[in-house]
Amino acid sequence: MRDKLFNSIVDIADFRFDADVVKVFDDMVRRSVPGYDSMIQMVGLVARMYGQDNTNYYDLGSSTGAISLALALNNKNKNNTFIAIDNSVEMVKKCRANLSNKIDNLQVLCSDITDTKINDASIVVLNLTLQFIDIGARAALLKKIYDG
């Protein structure tokens, strides 16, 4: 569906990843982020090079699941779990719908990524997500990812 969400709204509220945004998100991000599809493909290829057997692949701020799908489609390793996390209930619903029956060993969670434990990770992706995290919480999140 083409994104026309803010075309006629005069008094725009703070941006939220609600049901209205979720409906048009894929179109919105493709039009507002140059090279978005190429970025998704490249993340998958990098994960293919650096992913390891028996580890978790995290997609933090997973939105509709494009990165999670790229990770899974490019995976050449064994015994991996794919963990997609977003704090928007509507995004999580859309991600589950988009990835249903497409990825084995998938967990889609609705959670604040700053509260998420990162364990046994060989791949952690924060694609277009870190800028939405409070500046004061970013270093701790990055350390948690590094340690995980």
C-alpha atoms as a PDB file:
ATOM      1  CA  MET A   1       0.000   0.000   0.000  1.00  0.00           C
ATOM      2  CA  ARG A   2       1.381   3.428  -0.939  1.00  0.00           C
ATOM      3  CA  ASP A   3       2.282   5.679   1.979  1.00  0.00           C
ATOM      4  CA  LYS A   4       0.031   8.769   2.019  1.00  0.00           C
ATOM      5  CA  LEU A   5      -0.221   8.879   5.786  1.00  0.00           C
ATOM      6  CA  PHE A   6       0.982  12.438   6.340  1.00  0.00           C
ATOM      7  CA  ASN A   7      -0.190  14.016   3.063  1.00  0.00           C
ATOM      8  CA  SER A   8      -3.264  15.728   4.479  1.00  0.00           C
ATOM      9  CA  ILE A   9      -2.602  15.995   8.193  1.00  0.00           C
ATOM     10  CA  VAL A  10      -1.999  19.593   9.221  1.00  0.00           C
ATOM     11  CA  ASP A  11      -1.179  19.103  12.905  1.00  0.00           C
ATOM     12  CA  ILE A  12       1.225  16.156  12.972  1.00  0.00           C
ATOM     13  CA  ALA A  13       1.604  14.339  16.288  1.00  0.00           C
ATOM     14  CA  ASP A  14       4.801  12.677  17.470  1.00  0.00           C
ATOM     15  CA  PHE A  15       5.727   9.789  15.194  1.00  0.00           C
ATOM     16  CA  ARG A  16       4.651   6.370  16.461  1.00  0.00           C
ATOM     17  CA  PHE A  17       4.904   2.911  14.949  1.00  0.00           C
ATOM     18  CA  ASP A  18       1.156   2.336  15.304  1.00  0.00           C
ATOM     19  CA  ALA A  19      -1.330   0.418  13.135  1.00  0.00           C
ATOM     20  CA  ASP A  20      -1.565   3.242  10.563  1.00  0.00           C
ATOM     21  CA  VAL A  21       2.211   3.376  10.120  1.00  0.00           C
ATOM     22  CA  VAL A  22       2.517  -0.412   9.998  1.00  0.00           C
ATOM     23  CA  LYS A  23       0.112  -0.564   7.042  1.00  0.00           C
ATOM     24  CA  VAL A  24       2.391   1.628   4.924  1.00  0.00           C
ATOM     25  CA  PHE A  25       5.755   1.042   6.602  1.00  0.00           C
ATOM     26  CA  ASP A  26       7.404  -0.986   3.850  1.00  0.00           C
ATOM     27  CA  ASP A  27       6.551   1.638   1.234  1.00  0.00           C
ATOM     28  CA  MET A  28       7.447   4.498   3.604  1.00  0.00           C
ATOM     29  CA  VAL A  29      10.913   3.172   4.428  1.00  0.00           C
ATOM     30  CA  ARG A  30      11.715   2.280   0.814  1.00  0.00           C
ATOM     31  CA  ARG A  31      10.865   5.806  -0.313  1.00  0.00           C
ATOM     32  CA  SER A  32      12.578   7.608   2.571  1.00  0.00           C
ATOM     33  CA  VAL A  33      15.799   5.561   2.862  1.00  0.00           C
ATOM     34  CA  PRO A  34      17.841   5.522  -0.355  1.00  0.00           C
ATOM     35  CA  GLY A  35      19.174   2.044  -1.061  1.00  0.00           C
ATOM     36  CA  TYR A  36      16.986   0.364   1.557  1.00  0.00           C
ATOM     37  CA  ASP A  37      16.557  -2.877  -0.403  1.00  0.00           C
ATOM     38  CA  SER A  38      20.288  -3.031  -1.134  1.00  0.00           C
ATOM     39  CA  MET A  39      20.994  -2.478   2.556  1.00  0.00           C
ATOM     40  CA  ILE A  40      18.751  -5.421   3.479  1.00  0.00           C
ATOM     41  CA  GLN A  41      20.532  -7.653   0.960  1.00  0.00           C
ATOM     42  CA  MET A  42      23.969  -6.583   2.201  1.00  0.00           C
ATOM     43  CA  VAL A  43      23.073  -7.321   5.822  1.00  0.00           C
ATOM     44  CA  GLY A  44      22.095 -10.831   4.741  1.00  0.00           C
ATOM     45  CA  LEU A  45      25.378 -11.306   2.895  1.00  0.00           C
ATOM     46  CA  VAL A  46      27.465 -10.031   5.810  1.00  0.00           C
ATOM     47  CA  ALA A  47      25.596 -12.379   8.144  1.00  0.00           C
ATOM     48  CA  ARG A  48      26.318 -15.242   5.765  1.00  0.00           C
ATOM     49  CA  MET A  49      30.037 -14.501   6.120  1.00  0.00           C
ATOM     50  CA  TYR A  50      30.145 -14.051   9.903  1.00  0.00           C
ATOM     51  CA  GLY A  51      27.309 -16.152  11.308  1.00  0.00           C
ATOM     52  CA  GLN A  52      28.272 -19.265  13.234  1.00  0.00           C
ATOM     53  CA  ASP A  53      26.712 -22.639  14.010  1.00  0.00           C
ATOM     54  CA  ASN A  54      24.771 -23.029  17.268  1.00  0.00           C
ATOM     55  CA  THR A  55      24.254 -19.295  17.816  1.00  0.00           C
ATOM     56  CA  ASN A  56      21.471 -16.752  17.884  1.00  0.00           C
ATOM     57  CA  TYR A  57      20.854 -14.140  15.208  1.00  0.00           C
ATOM     58  CA  TYR A  58      19.179 -11.015  16.628  1.00  0.00           C
ATOM     59  CA  ASP A  59      17.206  -8.421  14.667  1.00  0.00           C
ATOM     60  CA  LEU A  60      16.740  -5.553  17.133  1.00  0.00           C
ATOM     61  CA  GLY A  61      14.049  -3.143  16.004  1.00  0.00           C
ATOM     62  CA  SER A  62      12.789  -5.735  13.559  1.00  0.00           C
ATOM     63  CA  SER A  63       9.795  -3.748  12.260  1.00  0.00           C
ATOM     64  CA  THR A  64       8.084  -5.891   9.588  1.00  0.00           C
ATOM     65  CA  GLY A  65      10.833  -8.529   9.500  1.00  0.00           C
ATOM     66  CA  ALA A  66      12.821  -7.711   6.349  1.00  0.00           C
ATOM     67  CA  ILE A  67      16.199  -8.098   8.072  1.00  0.00           C
ATOM     68  CA  SER A  68      15.152 -11.300   9.840  1.00  0.00           C
ATOM     69  CA  LEU A  69      14.119 -12.781   6.508  1.00  0.00           C
ATOM     70  CA  ALA A  70      17.409 -11.734   4.872  1.00  0.00           C
ATOM     71  CA  LEU A  71      19.347 -13.303   7.750  1.00  0.00           C
ATOM     72  CA  ALA A  72      17.458 -16.576   7.429  1.00  0.00           C
ATOM     73  CA  LEU A  73      17.587 -16.752   3.628  1.00  0.00           C
ATOM     74  CA  ASN A  74      21.346 -16.189   3.648  1.00  0.00           C
ATOM     75  CA  ASN A  75      22.067 -18.516   6.549  1.00  0.00           C
ATOM     76  CA  LYS A  76      24.425 -21.389   5.757  1.00  0.00           C
ATOM     77  CA  ASN A  77      24.980 -22.414   9.363  1.00  0.00           C
ATOM     78  CA  LYS A  78      23.348 -25.072  11.524  1.00  0.00           C
ATOM     79  CA  ASN A  79      21.222 -24.897  14.624  1.00  0.00           C
ATOM     80  CA  ASN A  80      20.552 -21.151  14.657  1.00  0.00           C
ATOM     81  CA  THR A  81      17.708 -19.317  16.331  1.00  0.00           C
ATOM     82  CA  PHE A  82      16.440 -16.102  14.748  1.00  0.00           C
ATOM     83  CA  ILE A  83      15.151 -13.566  17.269  1.00  0.00           C
ATOM     84  CA  ALA A  84      13.213 -10.548  15.983  1.00  0.00           C
ATOM     85  CA  ILE A  85      12.434  -7.902  18.600  1.00  0.00           C
ATOM     86  CA  ASP A  86      10.397  -4.724  18.311  1.00  0.00           C
ATOM     87  CA  ASN A  87       8.642  -2.616  20.944  1.00  0.00           C
ATOM     88  CA  SER A  88       5.579  -1.897  18.784  1.00  0.00           C
ATOM     89  CA  VAL A  89       2.764  -4.408  19.220  1.00  0.00           C
ATOM     90  CA  GLU A  90       1.520  -3.626  15.713  1.00  0.00           C
ATOM     91  CA  MET A  91       4.974  -4.130  14.164  1.00  0.00           C
ATOM     92  CA  VAL A  92       5.343  -7.450  15.982  1.00  0.00           C
ATOM     93  CA  LYS A  93       1.985  -8.610  14.602  1.00  0.00           C
ATOM     94  CA  LYS A  94       3.026  -7.624  11.070  1.00  0.00           C
ATOM     95  CA  CYS A  95       6.446  -9.246  11.462  1.00  0.00           C
ATOM     96  CA  ARG A  96       4.849 -12.501  12.617  1.00  0.00           C
ATOM     97  CA  ALA A  97       2.431 -12.416   9.685  1.00  0.00           C
ATOM     98  CA  ASN A  98       5.214 -11.665   7.180  1.00  0.00           C
ATOM     99  CA  LEU A  99       7.525 -14.394   8.455  1.00  0.00           C
ATOM    100  CA  SER A 100       4.968 -17.074   9.252  1.00  0.00           C
ATOM    101  CA  ASN A 101       6.134 -20.386   7.746  1.00  0.00           C
ATOM    102  CA  LYS A 102       9.213 -18.725   6.201  1.00  0.00           C
ATOM    103  CA  ILE A 103      11.811 -19.106   8.966  1.00  0.00           C
ATOM    104  CA  ASP A 104      12.498 -22.137  11.123  1.00  0.00           C
ATOM    105  CA  ASN A 105      13.534 -21.478  14.722  1.00  0.00           C
ATOM    106  CA  LEU A 106      12.056 -17.967  14.777  1.00  0.00           C
ATOM    107  CA  GLN A 107      11.060 -16.020  17.864  1.00  0.00           C
ATOM    108  CA  VAL A 108       9.256 -12.704  17.390  1.00  0.00           C
ATOM    109  CA  LEU A 109       9.118 -10.733  20.623  1.00  0.00           C
ATOM    110  CA  CYS A 110       7.497  -7.482  21.696  1.00  0.00           C
ATOM    111  CA  SER A 111      10.034  -5.922  24.021  1.00  0.00           C
ATOM    112  CA  ASP A 112      12.207  -2.885  24.636  1.00  0.00           C
ATOM    113  CA  ILE A 113      15.577  -3.792  23.134  1.00  0.00           C
ATOM    114  CA  THR A 114      17.384  -1.961  25.932  1.00  0.00           C
ATOM    115  CA  ASP A 115      15.913  -4.550  28.341  1.00  0.00           C
ATOM    116  CA  THR A 116      16.692  -7.524  26.107  1.00  0.00           C
ATOM    117  CA  LYS A 117      19.317 -10.066  27.078  1.00  0.00           C
ATOM    118  CA  ILE A 118      21.702 -10.922  24.255  1.00  0.00           C
ATOM    119  CA  ASN A 119      22.997 -14.474  24.584  1.00  0.00           C
ATOM    120  CA  ASP A 120      25.120 -16.706  22.365  1.00  0.00           C
ATOM    121  CA  ALA A 121      24.931 -14.248  19.469  1.00  0.00           C
ATOM    122  CA  SER A 122      27.032 -14.404  16.352  1.00  0.00           C
ATOM    123  CA  ILE A 123      24.880 -11.817  14.538  1.00  0.00           C
ATOM    124  CA  VAL A 124      23.124  -8.776  16.021  1.00  0.00           C
ATOM    125  CA  VAL A 125      21.552  -6.225  13.688  1.00  0.00           C
ATOM    126  CA  LEU A 126      20.374  -2.733  14.695  1.00  0.00           C
ATOM    127  CA  ASN A 127      19.272  -1.608  11.237  1.00  0.00           C
ATOM    128  CA  LEU A 128      17.883   1.957  11.360  1.00  0.00           C
ATOM    129  CA  THR A 129      17.164   1.460  15.067  1.00  0.00           C
ATOM    130  CA  LEU A 130      19.869   3.037  17.213  1.00  0.00           C
ATOM    131  CA  GLN A 131      18.690   6.569  16.411  1.00  0.00           C
ATOM    132  CA  PHE A 132      15.387   5.788  18.180  1.00  0.00           C
ATOM    133  CA  ILE A 133      17.174   4.831  21.412  1.00  0.00           C
ATOM    134  CA  ASP A 134      17.701   7.503  24.068  1.00  0.00           C
ATOM    135  CA  ILE A 135      21.238   8.850  23.737  1.00  0.00           C
ATOM    136  CA  GLY A 136      21.979   8.037  27.373  1.00  0.00           C
ATOM    137  CA  ALA A 137      21.051   4.364  26.855  1.00  0.00           C
ATOM    138  CA  ARG A 138      22.990   3.738  23.648  1.00  0.00           C
ATOM    139  CA  ALA A 139      26.412   2.901  25.111  1.00  0.00           C
ATOM    140  CA  ALA A 140      24.937   0.345  27.524  1.00  0.00           C
ATOM    141  CA  LEU A 141      22.975  -1.272  24.688  1.00  0.00           C
ATOM    142  CA  LEU A 142      26.047  -1.498  22.469  1.00  0.00           C
ATOM    143  CA  LYS A 143      28.084  -2.986  25.330  1.00  0.00           C
ATOM    144  CA  LYS A 144      25.352  -5.548  25.968  1.00  0.00           C
ATOM    145  CA  ILE A 145      25.418  -6.495  22.282  1.00  0.00           C
ATOM    146  CA  TYR A 146      29.212  -6.711  22.250  1.00  0.00           C
ATOM    147  CA  ASP A 147      29.241  -8.891  25.376  1.00  0.00           C
ATOM    148  CA  GLY A 148      26.454 -11.128  24.063  1.00  0.00           C
END
